Amino acid sequence: MTRPLIAIPARFSATTSALRYAAEVNARALVEAVWRAGGEPAGIHPADTGTADRLARFDGVLLPGGGDLAPSRYGATDTHDTVYDVDTLQDAFDLDVARHALASGLPLLAVCRGLQVVNVALGGTLQQDMGGPEREHRHLVHPVSLEPGSLVARAAGAEKTDASCYHHQRVERLGRGLRVTARAADGTAEALELPGADGWFAAVQWHPEDTADEDPAQQGLFDALVRAATR
């Protein structure tokens, strides 16, 4: 059977030893999780035109993690000094991908920055910094409670999971129509869904690819995306 084609917007990298110069990359663990699920992962070049036509050939989309969105994208006039790796083209492309995928019903899984992109694309805002080592979720594995019956709970096959996190920002004001379907103990929104969406959509603030090779609950998110893309 032909594998469904999953678009993964590439991330800009200033240096990569294997390629000598700047590159466009995606995390190997993320790509392998899509492959294990039965999908054909395809990195796509961030560009400022033709997003809808480019996405038309794909069966699903995975919005990956990455650097911070420019605070101006959600109306902030000041930038916290911890904001990093902002790229104007990356922001514009990711936001366009999120809007087109949701509008067209293309199955979409958003991870970490991807969740924040979707929230901003739908008019939400972000807390630019969660407040330092005792509050940020960097290099942290912690329990997350999933709403019973939610898409993420059904995909994970559980109502609680251990989430591998790496982020210093989080959702502040929810975007239009979004609902929080998982939270950490400190109240951080860990998963978002869009009731009534035309296609399958889930977003998680953690990095399921970090442990998907050994944790069926994390791999289940990629499996659910590929199943939806197959349909």
Protein backbone atom coordinates (compact mmCIF):
# COMPACT_ATOMS: atom_id res chain seq x y z
CA MET A 1 0.00 0.00 0.00
CA THR A 2 1.25 3.48 -0.82
CA ARG A 3 2.27 5.38 2.28
CA PRO A 4 0.31 8.61 2.87
CA LEU A 5 2.50 11.64 2.27
CA ILE A 6 3.06 13.75 5.40
CA ALA A 7 4.40 17.28 4.93
CA ILE A 8 6.84 18.46 7.60
CA PRO A 9 7.95 22.11 7.24
CA ALA A 10 11.73 22.22 7.40
CA ARG A 11 13.61 24.15 10.04
CA PHE A 12 16.49 26.48 9.22
CA SER A 13 19.82 25.51 10.77
CA ALA A 14 22.79 27.87 10.71
CA THR A 15 25.34 25.03 10.66
CA THR A 16 25.26 21.27 10.11
CA SER A 17 28.52 19.33 10.17
CA ALA A 18 27.49 16.74 7.58
CA LEU A 19 26.49 19.39 5.03
CA ARG A 20 29.20 21.96 5.91
CA TYR A 21 26.92 24.98 5.49
CA ALA A 22 23.50 26.25 6.57
CA ALA A 23 20.75 23.70 6.01
CA GLU A 24 17.05 22.93 6.19
CA VAL A 25 16.44 20.09 8.63
CA ASN A 26 13.97 18.05 10.62
CA ALA A 27 14.59 15.97 13.73
CA ARG A 28 15.42 12.37 12.86
CA ALA A 29 13.28 11.08 15.74
CA LEU A 30 10.27 12.97 14.34
CA VAL A 31 10.75 11.62 10.83
CA GLU A 32 11.24 8.08 12.12
CA ALA A 33 8.05 8.27 14.20
CA VAL A 34 6.06 9.16 11.08
CA TRP A 35 7.76 6.33 9.18
CA ARG A 36 6.97 3.79 11.93
CA ALA A 37 3.34 4.91 11.76
CA GLY A 38 3.26 3.99 8.07
CA GLY A 39 3.60 7.50 6.65
CA GLU A 40 6.02 8.90 4.09
CA PRO A 41 7.63 11.93 5.79
CA ALA A 42 8.54 14.74 3.41
CA GLY A 43 10.36 17.91 4.50
CA ILE A 44 9.06 20.96 2.64
CA HIS A 45 10.90 24.20 1.99
CA PRO A 46 9.54 27.30 3.77
CA ALA A 47 8.50 29.82 1.11
CA ASP A 48 6.28 32.87 1.07
CA THR A 49 4.00 31.92 -1.86
CA GLY A 50 1.78 29.08 -3.04
CA THR A 51 1.24 27.31 0.27
CA ALA A 52 -2.29 26.09 -0.51
CA ASP A 53 -1.26 24.63 -3.88
CA ARG A 54 1.82 23.00 -2.38
CA LEU A 55 -0.16 21.35 0.41
CA ALA A 56 -2.75 20.00 -2.02
CA ARG A 57 -0.48 17.06 -2.94
CA PHE A 58 -0.10 15.92 0.69
CA ASP A 59 -2.29 13.64 2.80
CA GLY A 60 -1.38 15.17 6.17
CA VAL A 61 0.82 17.75 7.89
CA LEU A 62 3.10 17.65 10.93
CA LEU A 63 4.07 21.05 12.33
CA PRO A 64 7.29 20.42 14.29
CA GLY A 65 9.08 22.17 17.12
CA GLY A 66 11.62 24.94 16.63
CA GLY A 67 12.55 28.44 17.76
CA ASP A 68 10.20 31.12 19.03
CA LEU A 69 7.57 32.99 17.05
CA ALA A 70 8.13 36.73 16.81
CA PRO A 71 6.06 38.29 19.62
CA SER A 72 4.71 40.83 17.13
CA ARG A 73 2.85 37.94 15.47
CA TYR A 74 0.45 37.92 18.42
CA GLY A 75 0.35 41.65 19.05
CA ALA A 76 3.07 41.99 21.71
CA THR A 77 4.94 45.28 21.60
CA ASP A 78 7.87 44.18 23.78
CA THR A 79 10.16 41.18 23.36
CA HIS A 80 11.40 39.21 26.38
CA ASP A 81 15.17 38.72 26.42
CA THR A 82 14.79 34.92 26.37
CA VAL A 83 13.08 34.88 22.96
CA TYR A 84 15.38 33.10 20.49
CA ASP A 85 15.80 31.90 16.89
CA VAL A 86 13.07 34.11 15.44
CA ASP A 87 12.89 33.90 11.65
CA THR A 88 10.42 35.99 9.65
CA LEU A 89 10.08 33.54 6.77
CA GLN A 90 9.74 30.53 9.08
CA ASP A 91 6.98 32.28 11.02
CA ALA A 92 5.06 33.33 7.94
CA PHE A 93 5.26 29.88 6.37
CA ASP A 94 4.29 27.94 9.50
CA LEU A 95 1.32 30.21 10.17
CA ASP A 96 0.19 29.85 6.55
CA VAL A 97 0.54 26.05 6.72
CA ALA A 98 -1.53 25.91 9.92
CA ARG A 99 -4.30 28.08 8.49
CA HIS A 100 -4.50 26.18 5.20
CA ALA A 101 -4.43 22.75 6.83
CA LEU A 102 -7.24 23.66 9.23
CA ALA A 103 -9.31 25.39 6.54
CA SER A 104 -9.01 22.48 4.11
CA GLY A 105 -9.47 19.67 6.64
CA LEU A 106 -6.01 18.27 6.02
CA PRO A 107 -5.04 16.06 9.00
CA LEU A 108 -2.67 18.02 11.22
CA LEU A 109 -0.50 17.14 14.20
CA ALA A 110 1.29 20.09 15.80
CA VAL A 111 4.21 19.62 18.20
CA CYS A 112 5.66 22.16 20.67
CA ARG A 113 6.28 25.30 18.55
CA GLY A 114 3.67 23.83 16.22
CA LEU A 115 1.02 24.08 18.95
CA GLN A 116 2.00 27.69 19.56
CA VAL A 117 1.82 28.42 15.82
CA VAL A 118 -1.74 27.07 15.63
CA ASN A 119 -2.79 29.06 18.69
CA VAL A 120 -1.40 32.27 17.18
CA ALA A 121 -2.83 31.46 13.74
CA LEU A 122 -6.28 31.39 15.36
CA GLY A 123 -5.80 34.70 17.18
CA GLY A 124 -4.35 33.45 20.46
CA THR A 125 -1.35 34.76 22.38
CA LEU A 126 1.69 33.29 24.14
CA GLN A 127 3.39 33.91 27.44
CA GLN A 128 6.86 34.80 26.21
CA ASP A 129 8.69 33.26 29.16
CA MET A 130 7.39 30.95 31.87
CA GLY A 131 9.65 32.34 34.56
CA GLY A 132 12.97 30.53 34.92
CA PRO A 133 14.31 27.10 35.84
CA GLU A 134 11.67 26.34 38.46
CA ARG A 135 8.80 26.99 36.02
CA GLU A 136 10.01 26.46 32.47
CA HIS A 137 9.59 23.03 30.91
CA ARG A 138 13.07 22.44 29.49
CA HIS A 139 14.81 19.07 29.64
CA LEU A 140 11.87 17.88 31.71
CA VAL A 141 9.79 14.72 31.66
CA HIS A 142 6.63 15.16 33.69
CA PRO A 143 3.14 13.64 33.94
CA VAL A 144 0.35 15.15 31.84
CA SER A 145 -3.35 14.49 32.38
CA LEU A 146 -5.34 13.94 29.18
CA GLU A 147 -9.04 14.71 28.99
CA PRO A 148 -11.00 11.43 28.82
CA GLY A 149 -12.43 10.87 25.36
CA SER A 150 -10.31 13.58 23.74
CA LEU A 151 -8.45 12.93 20.48
CA VAL A 152 -5.11 12.93 22.28
CA ALA A 153 -6.35 10.49 24.93
CA ARG A 154 -7.75 8.15 22.28
CA ALA A 155 -4.56 8.36 20.24
CA ALA A 156 -2.36 7.74 23.29
CA GLY A 157 -4.64 5.04 24.65
CA ALA A 158 -4.33 6.61 28.10
CA GLU A 159 -5.60 9.43 30.31
CA LYS A 160 -2.17 10.18 31.76
CA THR A 161 1.21 10.11 30.07
CA ASP A 162 4.81 11.08 30.76
CA ALA A 163 5.63 13.99 28.46
CA SER A 164 9.13 14.98 27.33
CA CYS A 165 9.19 18.78 27.24
CA TYR A 166 11.52 21.46 25.96
CA HIS A 167 9.86 24.88 25.97
CA HIS A 168 10.00 28.14 27.89
CA GLN A 169 6.80 29.60 26.43
CA ARG A 170 3.17 28.52 26.71
CA VAL A 171 -0.35 29.42 25.67
CA GLU A 172 -1.64 32.59 27.30
CA ARG A 173 -4.96 33.37 25.54
CA LEU A 174 -6.54 30.57 23.53
CA GLY A 175 -7.13 31.03 19.82
CA ARG A 176 -10.63 30.98 18.33
CA GLY A 177 -12.48 27.70 18.86
CA LEU A 178 -9.57 25.89 20.51
CA ARG A 179 -10.04 23.76 23.62
CA VAL A 180 -7.40 22.60 26.11
CA THR A 181 -7.52 18.79 26.38
CA ALA A 182 -4.41 18.15 28.50
CA ARG A 183 -2.64 20.02 31.27
CA ALA A 184 0.48 19.72 33.37
CA ALA A 185 0.30 19.93 37.17
CA ASP A 186 1.21 23.63 37.02
CA GLY A 187 -1.75 24.36 34.74
CA THR A 188 0.23 24.68 31.50
CA ALA A 189 -1.89 23.80 28.48
CA GLU A 190 -0.28 20.64 27.10
CA ALA A 191 -2.72 19.74 24.32
CA LEU A 192 -5.18 21.65 22.14
CA GLU A 193 -7.99 20.46 19.90
CA LEU A 194 -10.53 22.22 17.68
CA PRO A 195 -14.04 20.84 18.17
CA GLY A 196 -15.96 20.86 14.92
CA ALA A 197 -12.83 20.97 12.76
CA ASP A 198 -13.29 19.62 9.23
CA GLY A 199 -10.31 17.28 9.56
CA TRP A 200 -8.35 15.45 12.25
CA PHE A 201 -6.33 17.90 14.35
CA ALA A 202 -4.40 17.65 17.59
CA ALA A 203 -1.60 19.73 19.08
CA VAL A 204 0.72 18.85 21.96
CA GLN A 205 3.12 21.15 23.78
CA TRP A 206 5.58 18.34 24.49
CA HIS A 207 7.84 16.37 22.12
CA PRO A 208 6.29 12.91 21.61
CA GLU A 209 9.06 11.96 19.18
CA ASP A 210 11.59 11.96 22.04
CA THR A 211 10.21 8.72 23.48
CA ALA A 212 7.93 7.38 20.71
CA ASP A 213 10.31 4.52 19.91
CA GLU A 214 9.77 3.05 23.38
CA ASP A 215 6.43 4.49 24.54
CA PRO A 216 3.30 3.34 22.65
CA ALA A 217 1.32 6.30 24.02
CA GLN A 218 3.67 8.75 22.28
CA GLN A 219 3.89 6.73 19.07
CA GLY A 220 0.09 6.62 19.11
CA LEU A 221 -0.08 10.32 18.23
CA PHE A 222 1.84 9.73 15.00
CA ASP A 223 -0.18 6.59 14.31
CA ALA A 224 -3.40 8.60 14.64
CA LEU A 225 -2.14 11.27 12.23
CA VAL A 226 -1.20 8.69 9.61
CA ARG A 227 -4.50 6.82 10.01
CA ALA A 228 -6.38 10.07 9.41
CA ALA A 229 -4.14 10.83 6.42
CA THR A 230 -4.83 7.36 5.00
CA ARG A 231 -8.58 8.00 5.13
